[in-house]
């Protein structure tokens, strides 16, 4: 069986440190500046929870509430991630 995805050091979430990322998780969408990554959690500053994305062509989320502090998200709950807005 071929291995389709290889672990490459410095790729994935680690490569996005310092960037504003969007995380699609099992239930919610989170966005914020990625400042920490380990095997279990990631840490976001200036974090928001997105309830309604609106059009991806827009520069702002339709409905996104700021979270009160730095925010930690369990990596096991992340379905996909990247830089959107």
N, C-alpha and C. Protein backbone atom coordinates (compact mmCIF):
# COMPACT_ATOMS: atom_id res chain seq x y z
N UNK A 1 0.84 -1.17 0.00
CA UNK A 1 0.00 0.00 0.00
C UNK A 1 0.89 1.24 0.00
N UNK A 2 0.58 2.19 -0.87
CA UNK A 2 1.37 3.42 -0.95
C UNK A 2 0.97 4.38 0.15
N UNK A 3 1.96 5.09 0.65
CA UNK A 3 1.71 6.14 1.63
C UNK A 3 1.46 7.42 0.83
N UNK A 4 0.24 7.97 0.94
CA UNK A 4 -0.15 9.10 0.11
C UNK A 4 0.25 10.45 0.71
N UNK A 5 0.33 10.53 2.03
CA UNK A 5 0.70 11.78 2.69
C UNK A 5 1.92 11.50 3.56
N UNK A 6 2.97 12.26 3.35
CA UNK A 6 4.18 12.09 4.14
C UNK A 6 4.29 13.20 5.17
N UNK A 7 4.90 12.88 6.30
CA UNK A 7 5.20 13.90 7.30
C UNK A 7 6.44 14.65 6.85
N UNK A 8 6.29 15.94 6.63
CA UNK A 8 7.40 16.78 6.22
C UNK A 8 7.58 17.83 7.29
N UNK A 9 8.76 17.88 7.87
CA UNK A 9 9.03 18.83 8.94
C UNK A 9 8.83 20.26 8.44
N UNK A 10 8.14 21.06 9.23
CA UNK A 10 7.90 22.45 8.88
C UNK A 10 6.73 22.67 7.94
N UNK A 11 5.94 21.62 7.70
CA UNK A 11 4.78 21.74 6.83
C UNK A 11 3.51 21.62 7.66
N UNK A 12 2.37 21.92 7.09
CA UNK A 12 1.10 21.81 7.80
C UNK A 12 0.89 23.00 8.72
N UNK A 13 0.32 22.76 9.90
CA UNK A 13 0.03 23.85 10.83
C UNK A 13 1.28 24.62 11.23
N UNK A 14 2.38 23.93 11.40
CA UNK A 14 3.64 24.59 11.79
C UNK A 14 4.03 25.65 10.77
N UNK A 15 3.81 25.39 9.51
CA UNK A 15 4.20 26.35 8.47
C UNK A 15 3.35 27.61 8.50
N UNK A 16 2.21 27.57 9.21
CA UNK A 16 1.31 28.71 9.28
C UNK A 16 1.46 29.52 10.57
N UNK A 17 2.44 29.19 11.41
CA UNK A 17 2.66 29.95 12.63
C UNK A 17 2.84 31.43 12.30
N UNK A 18 2.13 32.27 13.05
CA UNK A 18 2.18 33.71 12.83
C UNK A 18 1.14 34.23 11.85
N UNK A 19 0.46 33.33 11.16
CA UNK A 19 -0.56 33.71 10.18
C UNK A 19 -1.95 33.67 10.80
N UNK A 20 -2.90 34.44 10.23
CA UNK A 20 -4.31 34.32 10.61
C UNK A 20 -4.87 33.11 9.85
N UNK A 21 -5.30 32.11 10.59
CA UNK A 21 -5.78 30.86 10.00
C UNK A 21 -7.27 30.68 10.29
N UNK A 22 -7.88 29.82 9.51
CA UNK A 22 -9.26 29.41 9.74
C UNK A 22 -9.26 27.90 9.89
N UNK A 23 -9.92 27.42 10.94
CA UNK A 23 -9.98 26.00 11.25
C UNK A 23 -11.42 25.52 11.16
N UNK A 24 -11.67 24.58 10.29
CA UNK A 24 -12.98 23.94 10.23
C UNK A 24 -12.88 22.72 11.13
N UNK A 25 -13.66 22.75 12.21
CA UNK A 25 -13.62 21.68 13.20
C UNK A 25 -14.92 20.88 13.15
N UNK A 26 -15.01 19.85 13.97
CA UNK A 26 -16.15 18.94 13.96
C UNK A 26 -17.48 19.67 14.10
N UNK A 27 -17.53 20.75 14.87
CA UNK A 27 -18.79 21.47 15.07
C UNK A 27 -18.68 22.93 14.67
N UNK A 28 -17.61 23.60 15.06
CA UNK A 28 -17.50 25.04 14.85
C UNK A 28 -16.36 25.38 13.89
N UNK A 29 -16.34 26.66 13.49
CA UNK A 29 -15.25 27.22 12.70
C UNK A 29 -14.57 28.26 13.59
N UNK A 30 -13.26 28.18 13.70
CA UNK A 30 -12.48 29.14 14.48
C UNK A 30 -11.52 29.86 13.55
N UNK A 31 -11.21 31.10 13.89
CA UNK A 31 -10.22 31.86 13.15
C UNK A 31 -9.41 32.70 14.13
N UNK A 32 -8.16 32.92 13.82
CA UNK A 32 -7.30 33.71 14.68
C UNK A 32 -5.86 33.58 14.25
N UNK A 33 -4.99 34.31 14.93
CA UNK A 33 -3.56 34.23 14.64
C UNK A 33 -2.99 32.99 15.32
N UNK A 34 -2.39 32.11 14.55
CA UNK A 34 -1.81 30.88 15.06
C UNK A 34 -0.47 31.17 15.72
N UNK A 35 -0.41 30.97 17.04
CA UNK A 35 0.82 31.29 17.77
C UNK A 35 1.46 30.07 18.45
N UNK A 36 0.77 28.93 18.44
CA UNK A 36 1.34 27.74 19.07
C UNK A 36 0.77 26.46 18.47
N UNK A 37 1.62 25.45 18.36
CA UNK A 37 1.21 24.15 17.82
C UNK A 37 1.94 23.06 18.58
N UNK A 38 1.20 22.04 19.04
CA UNK A 38 1.84 20.82 19.52
C UNK A 38 1.01 19.63 19.05
N UNK A 39 1.27 18.45 19.53
CA UNK A 39 0.56 17.26 19.06
C UNK A 39 -0.90 17.22 19.48
N UNK A 40 -1.28 17.98 20.51
CA UNK A 40 -2.62 17.90 21.07
C UNK A 40 -3.46 19.13 20.81
N UNK A 41 -2.87 20.31 20.89
CA UNK A 41 -3.61 21.56 20.78
C UNK A 41 -2.89 22.56 19.89
N UNK A 42 -3.67 23.52 19.40
CA UNK A 42 -3.09 24.71 18.81
C UNK A 42 -3.57 25.90 19.62
N UNK A 43 -2.83 27.00 19.57
CA UNK A 43 -3.20 28.20 20.32
C UNK A 43 -3.42 29.34 19.34
N UNK A 44 -4.57 30.02 19.50
CA UNK A 44 -4.90 31.18 18.69
C UNK A 44 -4.96 32.43 19.55
N UNK A 45 -4.47 33.55 19.03
CA UNK A 45 -4.71 34.85 19.66
C UNK A 45 -5.66 35.62 18.74
N UNK A 46 -6.29 36.67 19.27
CA UNK A 46 -7.26 37.44 18.49
C UNK A 46 -8.25 36.48 17.83
N UNK A 47 -8.74 35.54 18.63
CA UNK A 47 -9.56 34.45 18.11
C UNK A 47 -11.04 34.82 18.00
N UNK A 48 -11.69 34.21 17.02
CA UNK A 48 -13.13 34.36 16.82
C UNK A 48 -13.73 33.00 16.54
N UNK A 49 -15.01 32.87 16.89
CA UNK A 49 -15.79 31.71 16.49
C UNK A 49 -16.73 32.18 15.40
N UNK A 50 -16.74 31.49 14.28
CA UNK A 50 -17.50 31.92 13.11
C UNK A 50 -18.81 31.13 13.07
N UNK A 51 -19.93 31.86 13.12
CA UNK A 51 -21.24 31.22 13.08
C UNK A 51 -21.83 31.22 11.67
N UNK A 52 -21.44 32.20 10.85
CA UNK A 52 -21.94 32.28 9.48
C UNK A 52 -20.83 32.90 8.64
N UNK A 53 -20.32 32.15 7.68
CA UNK A 53 -19.21 32.64 6.86
C UNK A 53 -19.64 33.72 5.89
N UNK A 54 -20.88 33.66 5.42
CA UNK A 54 -21.27 34.53 4.32
C UNK A 54 -20.54 34.09 3.07
N UNK A 55 -20.45 34.97 2.11
CA UNK A 55 -19.75 34.66 0.86
C UNK A 55 -18.24 34.67 1.08
N UNK A 56 -17.54 33.72 0.51
CA UNK A 56 -16.09 33.70 0.62
C UNK A 56 -15.45 34.81 -0.19
N UNK A 57 -16.21 35.46 -1.06
CA UNK A 57 -15.71 36.60 -1.82
C UNK A 57 -15.60 37.86 -0.95
N UNK A 58 -16.32 37.89 0.17
CA UNK A 58 -16.29 39.04 1.07
C UNK A 58 -15.04 38.99 1.94
N UNK A 59 -14.59 40.15 2.41
CA UNK A 59 -13.38 40.22 3.23
C UNK A 59 -13.64 39.94 4.70
N UNK A 60 -14.88 40.05 5.13
CA UNK A 60 -15.24 39.82 6.54
C UNK A 60 -16.23 38.67 6.65
N UNK A 61 -16.22 38.01 7.80
CA UNK A 61 -17.20 36.98 8.09
C UNK A 61 -18.56 37.62 8.30
N UNK A 62 -19.62 36.94 7.93
CA UNK A 62 -20.95 37.49 8.13
C UNK A 62 -21.27 37.59 9.62
N UNK A 63 -21.05 36.49 10.37
CA UNK A 63 -21.26 36.50 11.82
C UNK A 63 -20.08 35.78 12.47
N UNK A 64 -19.26 36.53 13.21
CA UNK A 64 -18.12 35.96 13.94
C UNK A 64 -17.96 36.72 15.25
N UNK A 65 -17.99 36.00 16.35
CA UNK A 65 -17.86 36.60 17.67
C UNK A 65 -16.44 36.45 18.19
N UNK A 66 -15.91 37.56 18.72
CA UNK A 66 -14.58 37.50 19.32
C UNK A 66 -14.63 36.66 20.59
N UNK A 67 -13.61 35.84 20.78
CA UNK A 67 -13.48 35.07 22.01
C UNK A 67 -12.71 35.92 23.02
N UNK A 68 -12.98 35.76 24.31
CA UNK A 68 -12.48 36.70 25.31
C UNK A 68 -10.97 36.65 25.57
N UNK A 69 -10.31 35.57 25.23
CA UNK A 69 -8.89 35.39 25.54
C UNK A 69 -8.22 34.62 24.41
N UNK A 70 -6.95 34.30 24.62
CA UNK A 70 -6.32 33.33 23.72
C UNK A 70 -7.17 32.07 23.74
N UNK A 71 -7.16 31.33 22.64
CA UNK A 71 -8.05 30.17 22.55
C UNK A 71 -7.27 28.96 22.09
N UNK A 72 -7.57 27.81 22.69
CA UNK A 72 -6.93 26.54 22.36
C UNK A 72 -7.93 25.64 21.66
N UNK A 73 -7.50 25.00 20.60
CA UNK A 73 -8.35 24.08 19.85
C UNK A 73 -7.65 22.73 19.79
N UNK A 74 -8.38 21.69 20.10
CA UNK A 74 -7.82 20.33 20.08
C UNK A 74 -7.58 19.91 18.63
N UNK A 75 -6.38 19.49 18.31
CA UNK A 75 -6.04 19.14 16.93
C UNK A 75 -6.88 17.97 16.42
N UNK A 76 -7.30 17.08 17.30
CA UNK A 76 -8.11 15.93 16.87
C UNK A 76 -9.47 16.35 16.32
N UNK A 77 -9.91 17.57 16.63
CA UNK A 77 -11.21 18.05 16.16
C UNK A 77 -11.11 18.82 14.84
N UNK A 78 -9.89 19.11 14.38
CA UNK A 78 -9.71 19.89 13.17
C UNK A 78 -9.91 18.99 11.95
N UNK A 79 -10.85 19.40 11.09
CA UNK A 79 -11.10 18.67 9.84
C UNK A 79 -10.28 19.23 8.69
N UNK A 80 -10.15 20.56 8.65
CA UNK A 80 -9.34 21.20 7.63
C UNK A 80 -8.94 22.58 8.12
N UNK A 81 -7.92 23.15 7.48
CA UNK A 81 -7.42 24.46 7.92
C UNK A 81 -6.72 25.15 6.76
N UNK A 82 -6.59 26.46 6.90
CA UNK A 82 -5.89 27.24 5.89
C UNK A 82 -6.06 28.72 6.17
N UNK A 83 -5.62 29.52 5.20
CA UNK A 83 -5.74 30.96 5.29
C UNK A 83 -6.87 31.37 4.35
N UNK A 84 -7.94 31.96 4.93
CA UNK A 84 -9.08 32.39 4.12
C UNK A 84 -9.24 33.89 4.07
N UNK A 85 -9.28 34.53 5.23
CA UNK A 85 -9.59 35.96 5.26
C UNK A 85 -8.61 36.68 6.15
